[in-house]
Amino acid sequence: MNSDLPSRDTLESLLLRGLLAAGGELSVKQMLSEVAKQANLNLDSRPKITATGNRTDLDYKLAWARTSLKKSGHLERVAFGKWRLTPQGAEKARGL
């Protein structure tokens, strides 16, 4: 795993802020792009970590950040690959 990536807590904050700025709902691909932009990461240079080469280290860490935010009630999945801030998540994002 690449150590130059933001921590999961930082990724969670970036996700919440990105979702709030986008009106509260984003696809996984849009989240990846938004977080990479906020964290000043180059998506094209991210190493692949899966055998099929479809998932980067950032994808992997973002998936865990989404899971954590879902368990804490800040995010909800509205469709396959589509996530939305809950009212609790929007309030937390405004405070960041």
Protein backbone atom coordinates (compact mmCIF):
# COMPACT_ATOMS: atom_id res chain seq x y z
CA MET A 1 0.00 0.00 0.00
CA ASN A 2 1.32 3.42 -0.92
CA SER A 3 2.21 5.52 2.12
CA ASP A 4 1.99 8.87 0.30
CA LEU A 5 -1.80 8.64 0.24
CA PRO A 6 -3.89 10.57 2.75
CA SER A 7 -5.04 8.70 5.85
CA ARG A 8 -8.53 7.21 5.95
CA ASP A 9 -9.71 10.04 8.22
CA THR A 10 -8.45 12.60 5.71
CA LEU A 11 -10.07 10.69 2.84
CA GLU A 12 -13.36 10.64 4.74
CA SER A 13 -13.19 14.42 5.19
CA LEU A 14 -12.33 14.92 1.52
CA LEU A 15 -15.23 12.69 0.50
CA LEU A 16 -17.70 14.53 2.69
CA ARG A 17 -16.57 17.95 1.44
CA GLY A 18 -16.60 16.78 -2.18
CA LEU A 19 -20.09 15.35 -1.85
CA LEU A 20 -21.38 18.52 -0.23
CA ALA A 21 -19.84 20.69 -2.96
CA ALA A 22 -21.41 18.47 -5.64
CA GLY A 23 -24.91 18.76 -4.21
CA GLY A 24 -24.79 15.67 -2.02
CA GLU A 25 -24.56 12.81 -4.53
CA LEU A 26 -21.69 11.38 -6.59
CA SER A 27 -20.73 8.20 -8.39
CA VAL A 28 -17.68 6.27 -7.22
CA LYS A 29 -15.76 7.50 -10.28
CA GLN A 30 -16.72 11.12 -9.54
CA MET A 31 -15.66 10.66 -5.89
CA LEU A 32 -12.28 9.35 -6.99
CA SER A 33 -11.76 12.32 -9.27
CA GLU A 34 -12.90 14.84 -6.64
CA VAL A 35 -10.71 13.40 -3.87
CA ALA A 36 -7.69 13.19 -6.18
CA LYS A 37 -8.18 16.83 -7.14
CA GLN A 38 -8.55 17.97 -3.51
CA ALA A 39 -5.53 15.92 -2.38
CA ASN A 40 -3.46 16.94 -5.43
CA LEU A 41 -2.94 13.33 -6.55
CA ASN A 42 -2.26 12.23 -10.12
CA LEU A 43 -4.70 9.42 -10.92
CA ASP A 44 -2.76 8.27 -13.98
CA SER A 45 0.36 7.50 -11.96
CA ARG A 46 -1.37 5.51 -9.19
CA PRO A 47 -0.07 1.95 -9.00
CA LYS A 48 -2.52 -0.91 -9.48
CA ILE A 49 -2.88 -3.30 -6.56
CA THR A 50 -5.17 -6.01 -7.91
CA ALA A 51 -4.26 -8.92 -10.14
CA THR A 52 -6.60 -7.67 -12.85
CA GLY A 53 -5.12 -4.18 -12.61
CA ASN A 54 -8.49 -2.47 -12.33
CA ARG A 55 -8.13 -1.05 -8.84
CA THR A 56 -5.57 1.40 -7.51
CA ASP A 57 -4.40 1.88 -3.95
CA LEU A 58 -6.49 5.06 -3.82
CA ASP A 59 -9.60 3.18 -5.03
CA TYR A 60 -9.05 0.64 -2.27
CA LYS A 61 -8.64 3.21 0.51
CA LEU A 62 -11.65 5.20 -0.73
CA ALA A 63 -13.78 2.07 -0.64
CA TRP A 64 -12.90 1.62 3.04
CA ALA A 65 -13.55 5.31 3.72
CA ARG A 66 -17.02 4.96 2.13
CA THR A 67 -17.70 1.86 4.22
CA SER A 68 -16.73 3.69 7.40
CA LEU A 69 -18.90 6.70 6.51
CA LYS A 70 -21.82 4.39 5.71
CA LYS A 71 -21.50 2.59 9.05
CA SER A 72 -21.39 5.91 10.90
CA GLY A 73 -24.56 7.09 9.15
CA HIS A 74 -22.93 9.83 7.06
CA LEU A 75 -23.36 8.18 3.63
CA GLU A 76 -25.93 5.97 1.99
CA ARG A 77 -25.73 3.99 -1.20
CA VAL A 78 -28.61 4.95 -3.49
CA ALA A 79 -27.73 2.74 -6.47
CA PHE A 80 -24.86 0.61 -7.66
CA GLY A 81 -21.82 2.91 -7.63
CA LYS A 82 -23.85 5.96 -6.50
CA TRP A 83 -23.61 7.46 -3.01
CA ARG A 84 -25.43 10.27 -1.20
CA LEU A 85 -24.81 12.29 1.93
CA THR A 86 -27.30 11.71 4.70
CA PRO A 87 -28.53 14.78 6.63
CA GLN A 88 -26.04 13.82 9.36
CA GLY A 89 -23.25 13.61 6.75
CA ALA A 90 -24.15 17.00 5.27
CA GLU A 91 -24.02 18.57 8.71
CA LYS A 92 -20.63 17.04 9.42
CA ALA A 93 -19.32 18.15 5.99
CA ARG A 94 -20.40 21.73 6.67
CA GLY A 95 -18.36 21.66 9.89
CA LEU A 96 -15.15 20.56 8.20
